[in-house]
Amino acid sequence: MRIAIVDFGSQWTHRIHRTLKYLGAESEIVPVKTPVKKILAFDALIFSGGAIRIALGDANQTGNAAKYLKEFTNPIMGICAGQQFIGLFFGGKARESKTPEYGKVELFVDFHNEIFEGLPDRFTVWASHNDEVVDTPGFQVLAHSKDCSNHAFKSLSRPIYGCLFHPEVEHSQYGSQIYANFIKIAKK
């Protein structure tokens, strides 16, 4: 099991790597300009969060990520800006949040699919975003907060997931379980 963590510049990219390591998955942090051929050798991808502002047009700073979404057929998960990029790529709209979220946020799980398997209906997560993605055609919204209608989603046609919050941060309850569930998906 090898997972590439495509680095969108998050201050917590190394925490994703460490969490996956503790869960027994081999991972490698790779730059966004890594050739597609190298990416295709992995079993799964995670797009990290980052300081880029998808809603303000910074999607051009995502290197080859659009090519990865076109050519990589194994499971993909986007975190924060990575989730927003995935939503935008597949026809959603990225916009500035009416109420940006920083710090602890109560997450409400609307659909317990495989990424939220075994988790409660609500728990605390760590968020750090000015923007959000909305109107994501072909995706099912899985979770929301009081200020954000799309905190997590899943593609209806491919194994692609996204979380606006940061499961890798220790302040996110059940974060390791979310990554463990993603690893389980990737092993199928």
N, C-alpha and C. Protein backbone atom coordinates (compact mmCIF):
# COMPACT_ATOMS: atom_id res chain seq x y z
N MET A 1 0.85 -1.17 0.00
CA MET A 1 0.00 0.00 0.00
C MET A 1 0.90 1.24 0.00
N ARG A 2 0.84 2.00 -1.10
CA ARG A 2 1.63 3.24 -1.22
C ARG A 2 0.70 4.40 -1.56
N ILE A 3 0.78 5.45 -0.75
CA ILE A 3 -0.07 6.62 -0.95
C ILE A 3 0.81 7.84 -1.21
N ALA A 4 0.51 8.56 -2.29
CA ALA A 4 1.20 9.82 -2.57
C ALA A 4 0.42 10.95 -1.93
N ILE A 5 1.12 11.80 -1.20
CA ILE A 5 0.51 13.01 -0.64
C ILE A 5 0.97 14.16 -1.52
N VAL A 6 0.08 14.66 -2.35
CA VAL A 6 0.39 15.75 -3.27
C VAL A 6 0.35 17.04 -2.46
N ASP A 7 1.49 17.70 -2.35
CA ASP A 7 1.64 18.83 -1.44
C ASP A 7 1.18 20.14 -2.06
N PHE A 8 0.02 20.62 -1.60
CA PHE A 8 -0.50 21.92 -2.02
C PHE A 8 0.04 23.04 -1.13
N GLY A 9 0.99 22.72 -0.26
CA GLY A 9 1.63 23.74 0.57
C GLY A 9 1.10 23.83 1.99
N SER A 10 0.41 22.82 2.46
CA SER A 10 -0.17 22.86 3.81
C SER A 10 0.91 22.82 4.87
N GLN A 11 0.66 23.55 5.95
CA GLN A 11 1.56 23.47 7.10
C GLN A 11 1.45 22.12 7.79
N TRP A 12 0.42 21.32 7.45
CA TRP A 12 0.19 20.04 8.11
C TRP A 12 0.42 18.83 7.20
N THR A 13 1.03 19.04 6.04
CA THR A 13 1.28 17.91 5.12
C THR A 13 2.06 16.80 5.82
N HIS A 14 3.06 17.17 6.62
CA HIS A 14 3.86 16.15 7.31
C HIS A 14 3.04 15.39 8.35
N ARG A 15 2.00 16.01 8.88
CA ARG A 15 1.13 15.30 9.83
C ARG A 15 0.31 14.23 9.10
N ILE A 16 -0.08 14.51 7.85
CA ILE A 16 -0.77 13.47 7.06
C ILE A 16 0.17 12.29 6.89
N HIS A 17 1.41 12.58 6.51
CA HIS A 17 2.42 11.53 6.30
C HIS A 17 2.61 10.71 7.59
N ARG A 18 2.74 11.40 8.71
CA ARG A 18 2.97 10.72 9.98
C ARG A 18 1.75 9.87 10.37
N THR A 19 0.55 10.40 10.17
CA THR A 19 -0.66 9.64 10.50
C THR A 19 -0.73 8.36 9.67
N LEU A 20 -0.47 8.48 8.36
CA LEU A 20 -0.49 7.29 7.51
C LEU A 20 0.56 6.27 7.95
N LYS A 21 1.73 6.76 8.33
CA LYS A 21 2.80 5.87 8.79
C LYS A 21 2.36 5.11 10.04
N TYR A 22 1.76 5.83 11.00
CA TYR A 22 1.28 5.17 12.23
C TYR A 22 0.21 4.13 11.92
N LEU A 23 -0.53 4.34 10.85
CA LEU A 23 -1.59 3.41 10.47
C LEU A 23 -1.06 2.26 9.59
N GLY A 24 0.24 2.25 9.33
CA GLY A 24 0.85 1.15 8.59
C GLY A 24 0.88 1.31 7.08
N ALA A 25 0.59 2.49 6.58
CA ALA A 25 0.62 2.72 5.13
C ALA A 25 1.90 3.46 4.76
N GLU A 26 2.52 3.02 3.70
CA GLU A 26 3.70 3.71 3.19
C GLU A 26 3.22 4.94 2.41
N SER A 27 3.82 6.08 2.68
CA SER A 27 3.42 7.28 1.95
C SER A 27 4.64 8.09 1.56
N GLU A 28 4.44 8.94 0.59
CA GLU A 28 5.50 9.81 0.10
C GLU A 28 4.89 11.17 -0.21
N ILE A 29 5.52 12.22 0.28
CA ILE A 29 5.08 13.58 -0.04
C ILE A 29 5.71 13.94 -1.37
N VAL A 30 4.87 14.35 -2.33
CA VAL A 30 5.38 14.68 -3.67
C VAL A 30 4.94 16.10 -4.06
N PRO A 31 5.76 16.80 -4.83
CA PRO A 31 5.38 18.13 -5.31
C PRO A 31 4.24 18.06 -6.32
N VAL A 32 3.50 19.16 -6.48
CA VAL A 32 2.37 19.19 -7.40
C VAL A 32 2.79 19.06 -8.86
N LYS A 33 4.06 19.22 -9.15
CA LYS A 33 4.55 19.11 -10.53
C LYS A 33 5.17 17.75 -10.82
N THR A 34 4.96 16.79 -9.93
CA THR A 34 5.45 15.43 -10.15
C THR A 34 4.84 14.89 -11.44
N PRO A 35 5.65 14.25 -12.30
CA PRO A 35 5.10 13.71 -13.55
C PRO A 35 3.98 12.68 -13.28
N VAL A 36 2.98 12.69 -14.14
CA VAL A 36 1.84 11.79 -14.00
C VAL A 36 2.30 10.33 -13.95
N LYS A 37 3.28 9.98 -14.75
CA LYS A 37 3.76 8.60 -14.80
C LYS A 37 4.17 8.10 -13.41
N LYS A 38 4.82 8.96 -12.63
CA LYS A 38 5.23 8.56 -11.28
C LYS A 38 4.00 8.42 -10.37
N ILE A 39 3.04 9.31 -10.52
CA ILE A 39 1.82 9.27 -9.69
C ILE A 39 1.03 7.99 -9.94
N LEU A 40 0.98 7.53 -11.18
CA LEU A 40 0.19 6.34 -11.52
C LEU A 40 0.69 5.08 -10.84
N ALA A 41 1.91 5.10 -10.28
CA ALA A 41 2.46 3.94 -9.59
C ALA A 41 1.94 3.77 -8.17
N PHE A 42 1.22 4.78 -7.65
CA PHE A 42 0.72 4.73 -6.28
C PHE A 42 -0.66 4.05 -6.22
N ASP A 43 -1.00 3.58 -5.02
CA ASP A 43 -2.30 2.94 -4.80
C ASP A 43 -3.41 3.93 -4.48
N ALA A 44 -3.02 5.12 -3.99
CA ALA A 44 -3.99 6.16 -3.64
C ALA A 44 -3.29 7.51 -3.61
N LEU A 45 -4.08 8.58 -3.70
CA LEU A 45 -3.56 9.95 -3.63
C LEU A 45 -4.31 10.72 -2.55
N ILE A 46 -3.58 11.62 -1.91
CA ILE A 46 -4.20 12.60 -1.02
C ILE A 46 -3.69 13.96 -1.46
N PHE A 47 -4.60 14.89 -1.75
CA PHE A 47 -4.23 16.27 -2.02
C PHE A 47 -4.26 16.99 -0.68
N SER A 48 -3.11 17.52 -0.26
CA SER A 48 -3.07 18.21 1.04
C SER A 48 -3.79 19.54 0.93
N GLY A 49 -4.02 20.15 2.06
CA GLY A 49 -4.51 21.51 2.07
C GLY A 49 -3.37 22.45 1.71
N GLY A 50 -3.58 23.72 1.87
CA GLY A 50 -2.53 24.69 1.59
C GLY A 50 -3.05 26.10 1.66
N ALA A 51 -2.14 27.03 1.52
CA ALA A 51 -2.50 28.45 1.61
C ALA A 51 -3.11 28.98 0.31
N ILE A 52 -3.13 28.17 -0.73
CA ILE A 52 -3.72 28.64 -1.99
C ILE A 52 -5.20 28.92 -1.80
N ARG A 53 -5.69 29.90 -2.51
CA ARG A 53 -7.10 30.31 -2.42
C ARG A 53 -7.78 29.91 -3.72
N ILE A 54 -8.41 28.75 -3.72
CA ILE A 54 -9.09 28.23 -4.90
C ILE A 54 -10.15 29.21 -5.39
N ALA A 55 -10.91 29.80 -4.47
CA ALA A 55 -11.99 30.72 -4.85
C ALA A 55 -11.46 32.00 -5.50
N LEU A 56 -10.20 32.33 -5.24
CA LEU A 56 -9.63 33.56 -5.79
C LEU A 56 -8.77 33.29 -7.02
N GLY A 57 -8.86 32.09 -7.57
CA GLY A 57 -8.16 31.79 -8.81
C GLY A 57 -6.79 31.17 -8.65
N ASP A 58 -6.43 30.75 -7.44
CA ASP A 58 -5.12 30.15 -7.23
C ASP A 58 -5.04 28.70 -7.72
N ALA A 59 -6.10 28.20 -8.35
CA ALA A 59 -6.08 26.81 -8.82
C ALA A 59 -4.94 26.59 -9.82
N ASN A 60 -4.44 27.68 -10.43
CA ASN A 60 -3.32 27.54 -11.35
C ASN A 60 -2.02 27.19 -10.63
N GLN A 61 -2.03 27.19 -9.31
CA GLN A 61 -0.85 26.82 -8.53
C GLN A 61 -0.87 25.34 -8.13
N THR A 62 -1.73 24.58 -8.75
CA THR A 62 -1.88 23.17 -8.38
C THR A 62 -1.14 22.23 -9.33
N GLY A 63 -0.23 22.78 -10.13
CA GLY A 63 0.64 21.95 -10.96
C GLY A 63 -0.10 20.96 -11.83
N ASN A 64 0.22 19.69 -11.68
CA ASN A 64 -0.35 18.62 -12.50
C ASN A 64 -1.59 17.97 -11.87
N ALA A 65 -2.13 18.58 -10.82
CA ALA A 65 -3.24 17.94 -10.09
C ALA A 65 -4.43 17.64 -11.00
N ALA A 66 -4.72 18.51 -11.96
CA ALA A 66 -5.84 18.24 -12.88
C ALA A 66 -5.56 16.99 -13.71
N LYS A 67 -4.32 16.81 -14.12
CA LYS A 67 -3.96 15.60 -14.88
C LYS A 67 -4.11 14.36 -14.00
N TYR A 68 -3.76 14.49 -12.72
CA TYR A 68 -3.92 13.34 -11.82
C TYR A 68 -5.39 12.95 -11.73
N LEU A 69 -6.26 13.95 -11.61
CA LEU A 69 -7.70 13.65 -11.52
C LEU A 69 -8.22 13.00 -12.80
N LYS A 70 -7.66 13.35 -13.94
CA LYS A 70 -8.09 12.76 -15.21
C LYS A 70 -7.57 11.33 -15.37
N GLU A 71 -6.34 11.07 -14.97
CA GLU A 71 -5.68 9.81 -15.32
C GLU A 71 -5.58 8.79 -14.19
N PHE A 72 -5.63 9.24 -12.94
CA PHE A 72 -5.48 8.33 -11.80
C PHE A 72 -6.84 7.74 -11.46
N THR A 73 -6.96 6.44 -11.48
CA THR A 73 -8.27 5.80 -11.27
C THR A 73 -8.44 5.18 -9.88
N ASN A 74 -7.37 5.15 -9.10
CA ASN A 74 -7.46 4.63 -7.73
C ASN A 74 -8.03 5.70 -6.80
N PRO A 75 -8.27 5.37 -5.54
CA PRO A 75 -8.87 6.34 -4.61
C PRO A 75 -8.07 7.64 -4.44
N ILE A 76 -8.81 8.74 -4.32
CA ILE A 76 -8.23 10.06 -4.13
C ILE A 76 -9.00 10.73 -3.00
N MET A 77 -8.26 11.46 -2.17
CA MET A 77 -8.89 12.23 -1.10
C MET A 77 -8.28 13.63 -1.09
N GLY A 78 -9.12 14.65 -1.03
CA GLY A 78 -8.65 16.03 -0.96
C GLY A 78 -8.93 16.61 0.40
N ILE A 79 -7.95 17.32 0.94
CA ILE A 79 -8.09 17.97 2.25
C ILE A 79 -8.08 19.48 2.06
N CYS A 80 -9.05 20.17 2.61
CA CYS A 80 -9.16 21.64 2.58
C CYS A 80 -9.03 22.18 1.15
N ALA A 81 -7.95 22.85 0.80
CA ALA A 81 -7.80 23.36 -0.57
C ALA A 81 -7.84 22.22 -1.58
N GLY A 82 -7.37 21.04 -1.18
CA GLY A 82 -7.45 19.87 -2.06
C GLY A 82 -8.88 19.47 -2.34
N GLN A 83 -9.74 19.54 -1.32
CA GLN A 83 -11.16 19.26 -1.51
C GLN A 83 -11.80 20.30 -2.42
N GLN A 84 -11.46 21.56 -2.20
CA GLN A 84 -12.01 22.63 -3.02
C GLN A 84 -11.58 22.47 -4.49
N PHE A 85 -10.31 22.11 -4.69
CA PHE A 85 -9.82 21.92 -6.06
C PHE A 85 -10.57 20.79 -6.76
N ILE A 86 -10.76 19.67 -6.06
CA ILE A 86 -11.50 18.54 -6.64
C ILE A 86 -12.91 18.99 -7.02
N GLY A 87 -13.60 19.66 -6.11
CA GLY A 87 -14.95 20.13 -6.40
C GLY A 87 -14.99 21.06 -7.60
N LEU A 88 -14.07 21.99 -7.67
CA LEU A 88 -13.99 22.94 -8.79
C LEU A 88 -13.70 22.21 -10.10
N PHE A 89 -12.77 21.25 -10.06
CA PHE A 89 -12.39 20.50 -11.26
C PHE A 89 -13.60 19.77 -11.86
N PHE A 90 -14.45 19.24 -11.01
CA PHE A 90 -15.60 18.47 -11.49
C PHE A 90 -16.86 19.31 -11.65
N GLY A 91 -16.71 20.63 -11.75
CA GLY A 91 -17.84 21.48 -12.09
C GLY A 91 -18.49 22.22 -10.95
N GLY A 92 -17.94 22.09 -9.74
CA GLY A 92 -18.48 22.84 -8.61
C GLY A 92 -18.04 24.29 -8.65
N LYS A 93 -18.48 25.03 -7.68
CA LYS A 93 -18.11 26.44 -7.58
C LYS A 93 -17.37 26.66 -6.27
N ALA A 94 -16.24 27.32 -6.37
CA ALA A 94 -15.49 27.70 -5.18
C ALA A 94 -15.79 29.17 -4.90
N ARG A 95 -16.05 29.47 -3.64
CA ARG A 95 -16.36 30.86 -3.29
C ARG A 95 -15.80 31.17 -1.90
N GLU A 96 -15.69 32.45 -1.62
CA GLU A 96 -15.31 32.85 -0.28
C GLU A 96 -16.42 32.44 0.68
N SER A 97 -16.05 31.90 1.81
CA SER A 97 -17.04 31.50 2.81
C SER A 97 -17.69 32.74 3.41
N LYS A 98 -18.98 32.66 3.64
CA LYS A 98 -19.65 33.76 4.33
C LYS A 98 -19.08 33.92 5.73
N THR A 99 -18.75 32.81 6.36
CA THR A 99 -18.13 32.81 7.67
C THR A 99 -16.92 31.87 7.63
N PRO A 100 -15.70 32.40 7.44
CA PRO A 100 -14.52 31.53 7.47
C PRO A 100 -14.44 30.79 8.80
N GLU A 101 -13.86 29.60 8.77
CA GLU A 101 -13.76 28.79 9.99
C GLU A 101 -12.28 28.59 10.34
N TYR A 102 -11.96 28.90 11.57
CA TYR A 102 -10.61 28.70 12.10
C TYR A 102 -10.72 28.09 13.48
N GLY A 103 -10.07 26.96 13.66
CA GLY A 103 -10.10 26.30 14.95
C GLY A 103 -11.15 25.20 15.00
N LYS A 104 -11.62 24.93 16.21
CA LYS A 104 -12.55 23.82 16.42
C LYS A 104 -13.93 24.15 15.85
N VAL A 105 -14.47 23.17 15.13
CA VAL A 105 -15.77 23.30 14.46
C VAL A 105 -16.55 22.01 14.73
N GLU A 106 -17.83 22.13 14.99
CA GLU A 106 -18.65 20.93 15.15
C GLU A 106 -19.09 20.44 13.78
N LEU A 107 -18.76 19.20 13.49
CA LEU A 107 -19.10 18.57 12.21
C LEU A 107 -20.34 17.71 12.39
N PHE A 108 -21.28 17.83 11.46
CA PHE A 108 -22.49 17.01 11.45
C PHE A 108 -22.40 16.06 10.25
N VAL A 109 -22.38 14.78 10.51
CA VAL A 109 -22.29 13.78 9.45
C VAL A 109 -23.70 13.50 8.94
N ASP A 110 -23.92 13.79 7.65
CA ASP A 110 -25.23 13.60 7.04
C ASP A 110 -25.40 12.19 6.47
N PHE A 111 -24.32 11.61 5.97
CA PHE A 111 -24.35 10.26 5.39
C PHE A 111 -23.12 9.50 5.87
N HIS A 112 -23.38 8.38 6.52
CA HIS A 112 -22.28 7.53 7.00
C HIS A 112 -21.90 6.55 5.89
N ASN A 113 -21.04 6.99 5.01
CA ASN A 113 -20.54 6.06 4.00
C ASN A 113 -19.22 5.50 4.51
N GLU A 114 -18.44 4.90 3.63
CA GLU A 114 -17.22 4.22 4.04
C GLU A 114 -16.17 5.15 4.67
N ILE A 115 -16.13 6.43 4.32
CA ILE A 115 -15.12 7.34 4.90
C ILE A 115 -15.47 7.70 6.35
N PHE A 116 -16.76 7.71 6.69
CA PHE A 116 -17.20 8.00 8.05
C PHE A 116 -17.68 6.75 8.79
N GLU A 117 -17.32 5.58 8.29
CA GLU A 117 -17.74 4.33 8.90
C GLU A 117 -17.28 4.25 10.36
N GLY A 118 -18.22 3.92 11.24
CA GLY A 118 -17.89 3.74 12.64
C GLY A 118 -17.79 5.03 13.45
N LEU A 119 -18.12 6.16 12.85
CA LEU A 119 -18.00 7.44 13.54
C LEU A 119 -19.37 7.94 13.99
N PRO A 120 -19.41 8.80 15.01
CA PRO A 120 -20.69 9.32 15.48
C PRO A 120 -21.29 10.33 14.49
N ASP A 121 -22.52 10.73 14.74
CA ASP A 121 -23.22 11.68 13.88
C ASP A 121 -22.66 13.09 13.97
N ARG A 122 -21.99 13.42 15.06
CA ARG A 122 -21.38 14.74 15.20
C ARG A 122 -20.15 14.64 16.08
N PHE A 123 -19.14 15.42 15.72
CA PHE A 123 -17.90 15.46 16.48
C PHE A 123 -17.13 16.72 16.10
N THR A 124 -16.07 16.99 16.83
CA THR A 124 -15.29 18.20 16.64
C THR A 124 -14.13 17.96 15.68
N VAL A 125 -13.96 18.90 14.75
CA VAL A 125 -12.84 18.84 13.81
C VAL A 125 -12.14 20.19 13.80
N TRP A 126 -10.96 20.21 13.19
CA TRP A 126 -10.17 21.43 13.09
C TRP A 126 -10.27 21.96 11.66
N ALA A 127 -10.69 23.21 11.54
CA ALA A 127 -10.82 23.84 10.23
C ALA A 127 -9.92 25.06 10.15
N SER A 128 -9.53 25.39 8.94
CA SER A 128 -8.69 26.57 8.71
C SER A 128 -8.89 26.99 7.26
N HIS A 129 -10.01 27.69 6.98
CA HIS A 129 -10.28 28.05 5.59
C HIS A 129 -11.07 29.35 5.47
N ASN A 130 -10.80 30.05 4.38
CA ASN A 130 -11.55 31.25 3.99
C ASN A 130 -12.58 30.92 2.93
N ASP A 131 -12.37 29.82 2.21
CA ASP A 131 -13.17 29.48 1.04
C ASP A 131 -13.87 28.15 1.24
N GLU A 132 -14.86 27.90 0.38
CA GLU A 132 -15.56 26.63 0.38
C GLU A 132 -16.01 26.31 -1.03
N VAL A 133 -16.32 25.05 -1.27
CA VAL A 133 -16.84 24.63 -2.56
C VAL A 133 -18.31 24.29 -2.40
N VAL A 134 -19.12 24.73 -3.37
CA VAL A 134 -20.57 24.50 -3.33
C VAL A 134 -21.02 23.98 -4.69
N ASP A 135 -22.26 23.52 -4.74
CA ASP A 135 -22.84 23.06 -6.01
C ASP A 135 -21.89 22.09 -6.72
N THR A 136 -21.63 20.97 -6.10
CA THR A 136 -20.69 20.00 -6.66
C THR A 136 -21.47 18.90 -7.39
N PRO A 137 -21.67 19.05 -8.70
CA PRO A 137 -22.43 18.04 -9.45
C PRO A 137 -21.69 16.71 -9.47
N GLY A 138 -22.43 15.63 -9.33
CA GLY A 138 -21.83 14.29 -9.35
C GLY A 138 -21.21 13.89 -8.02
N PHE A 139 -21.41 14.69 -6.99
CA PHE A 139 -20.88 14.40 -5.66
C PHE A 139 -22.01 14.42 -4.64
N GLN A 140 -21.89 13.60 -3.63
CA GLN A 140 -22.85 13.61 -2.53
C GLN A 140 -22.19 14.30 -1.34
N VAL A 141 -22.86 15.28 -0.78
CA VAL A 141 -22.36 15.94 0.43
C VAL A 141 -22.54 14.96 1.59
N LEU A 142 -21.46 14.75 2.35
CA LEU A 142 -21.47 13.79 3.45
C LEU A 142 -21.56 14.44 4.82
N ALA A 143 -21.08 15.70 4.93
CA ALA A 143 -21.05 16.35 6.24
C ALA A 143 -21.06 17.86 6.07
N HIS A 144 -21.54 18.53 7.12
CA HIS A 144 -21.58 20.00 7.11
C HIS A 144 -21.30 20.52 8.51
N SER A 145 -21.10 21.83 8.61
CA SER A 145 -21.01 22.51 9.90
C SER A 145 -22.09 23.59 9.91
N LYS A 146 -22.21 24.32 10.98
CA LYS A 146 -23.25 25.35 11.02
C LYS A 146 -22.98 26.47 10.01
N ASP A 147 -21.71 26.66 9.62
CA ASP A 147 -21.36 27.75 8.70
C ASP A 147 -20.96 27.28 7.31
N CYS A 148 -20.87 26.00 7.09
CA CYS A 148 -20.42 25.48 5.79
C CYS A 148 -21.27 24.27 5.41
N SER A 149 -21.91 24.34 4.26
CA SER A 149 -22.83 23.29 3.84
C SER A 149 -22.14 22.06 3.25
N ASN A 150 -20.84 22.16 2.93
CA ASN A 150 -20.15 21.07 2.24
C ASN A 150 -18.78 20.83 2.87
N HIS A 151 -18.77 20.20 4.04
CA HIS A 151 -17.50 19.94 4.72
C HIS A 151 -16.87 18.62 4.27
N ALA A 152 -17.65 17.76 3.68
CA ALA A 152 -17.10 16.50 3.16
C ALA A 152 -18.01 16.01 2.04
N PHE A 153 -17.39 15.38 1.03
CA PHE A 153 -18.18 14.85 -0.08
C PHE A 153 -17.54 13.60 -0.64
N LYS A 154 -18.31 12.93 -1.50
CA LYS A 154 -17.84 11.73 -2.20
C LYS A 154 -18.39 11.76 -3.62
N SER A 155 -17.54 11.40 -4.57
CA SER A 155 -17.99 11.27 -5.95
C SER A 155 -18.99 10.13 -6.05
N LEU A 156 -20.00 10.31 -6.88
CA LEU A 156 -20.99 9.24 -7.10
C LEU A 156 -20.51 8.21 -8.11
N SER A 157 -19.42 8.50 -8.82
CA SER A 157 -18.97 7.59 -9.87
C SER A 157 -17.56 7.03 -9.70
N ARG A 158 -16.76 7.65 -8.84
CA ARG A 158 -15.37 7.21 -8.64
C ARG A 158 -15.03 7.24 -7.16
N PRO A 159 -13.96 6.57 -6.75
CA PRO A 159 -13.56 6.61 -5.33
C PRO A 159 -12.80 7.90 -5.01
N ILE A 160 -13.51 9.02 -5.05
CA ILE A 160 -12.91 10.33 -4.78
C ILE A 160 -13.68 10.96 -3.62
N TYR A 161 -12.93 11.42 -2.62
CA TYR A 161 -13.49 11.98 -1.39
C TYR A 161 -12.84 13.32 -1.11
N GLY A 162 -13.51 14.13 -0.32
CA GLY A 162 -12.93 15.40 0.10
C GLY A 162 -13.42 15.81 1.47
N CYS A 163 -12.51 16.41 2.24
CA CYS A 163 -12.83 16.97 3.56
C CYS A 163 -12.31 18.39 3.61
N LEU A 164 -13.16 19.33 3.92
CA LEU A 164 -12.72 20.72 4.08
C LEU A 164 -11.93 20.88 5.38
N PHE A 165 -12.24 20.08 6.38
CA PHE A 165 -11.52 20.12 7.65
C PHE A 165 -10.23 19.31 7.54
N HIS A 166 -9.43 19.34 8.60
CA HIS A 166 -8.12 18.67 8.62
C HIS A 166 -8.13 17.47 9.58
N PRO A 167 -8.37 16.26 9.07
CA PRO A 167 -8.37 15.08 9.95
C PRO A 167 -7.01 14.81 10.59
N GLU A 168 -5.93 15.27 9.97
CA GLU A 168 -4.58 14.98 10.45
C GLU A 168 -4.18 15.77 11.70
N VAL A 169 -4.94 16.83 12.01
CA VAL A 169 -4.61 17.67 13.16
C VAL A 169 -5.15 17.03 14.43
N GLU A 170 -4.37 17.02 15.48
CA GLU A 170 -4.78 16.30 16.69
C GLU A 170 -6.07 16.82 17.31
N HIS A 171 -6.45 18.06 17.00
CA HIS A 171 -7.70 18.61 17.53
C HIS A 171 -8.94 18.04 16.81
N SER A 172 -8.75 17.35 15.70
CA SER A 172 -9.87 16.71 15.01
C SER A 172 -10.13 15.35 15.64
N GLN A 173 -11.30 15.21 16.22
CA GLN A 173 -11.66 13.90 16.76
C GLN A 173 -11.83 12.92 15.61
N TYR A 174 -11.42 11.70 15.81
CA TYR A 174 -11.60 10.61 14.84
C TYR A 174 -10.82 10.82 13.54
N GLY A 175 -9.85 11.74 13.54
CA GLY A 175 -9.08 11.99 12.33
C GLY A 175 -8.32 10.77 11.85
N SER A 176 -7.68 10.07 12.80
CA SER A 176 -6.95 8.85 12.42
C SER A 176 -7.89 7.80 11.84
N GLN A 177 -9.11 7.72 12.39
CA GLN A 177 -10.09 6.76 11.88
C GLN A 177 -10.51 7.10 10.45
N ILE A 178 -10.62 8.39 10.16
CA ILE A 178 -10.97 8.81 8.79
C ILE A 178 -9.87 8.36 7.83
N TYR A 179 -8.60 8.57 8.21
CA TYR A 179 -7.50 8.11 7.35
C TYR A 179 -7.45 6.58 7.30
N ALA A 180 -7.74 5.91 8.41
CA ALA A 180 -7.78 4.44 8.39
C ALA A 180 -8.87 3.94 7.46
N ASN A 181 -10.01 4.62 7.45
CA ASN A 181 -11.10 4.25 6.53
C ASN A 181 -10.67 4.47 5.09
N PHE A 182 -9.94 5.55 4.82
CA PHE A 182 -9.45 5.80 3.45
C PHE A 182 -8.46 4.71 3.02
N ILE A 183 -7.59 4.31 3.93
CA ILE A 183 -6.65 3.22 3.62
C ILE A 183 -7.41 1.94 3.30
N LYS A 184 -8.46 1.66 4.06
CA LYS A 184 -9.29 0.47 3.82
C LYS A 184 -9.92 0.53 2.42
N ILE A 185 -10.40 1.71 2.04
CA ILE A 185 -10.96 1.90 0.69
C ILE A 185 -9.91 1.61 -0.35
N ALA A 186 -8.69 2.12 -0.13
CA ALA A 186 -7.60 1.95 -1.11
C ALA A 186 -7.16 0.50 -1.23
N LYS A 187 -7.36 -0.29 -0.19
CA LYS A 187 -6.95 -1.70 -0.23
C LYS A 187 -7.95 -2.59 -0.97
N LYS A 188 -9.14 -2.07 -1.23
CA LYS A 188 -10.16 -2.89 -1.91
C LYS A 188 -9.78 -3.18 -3.33
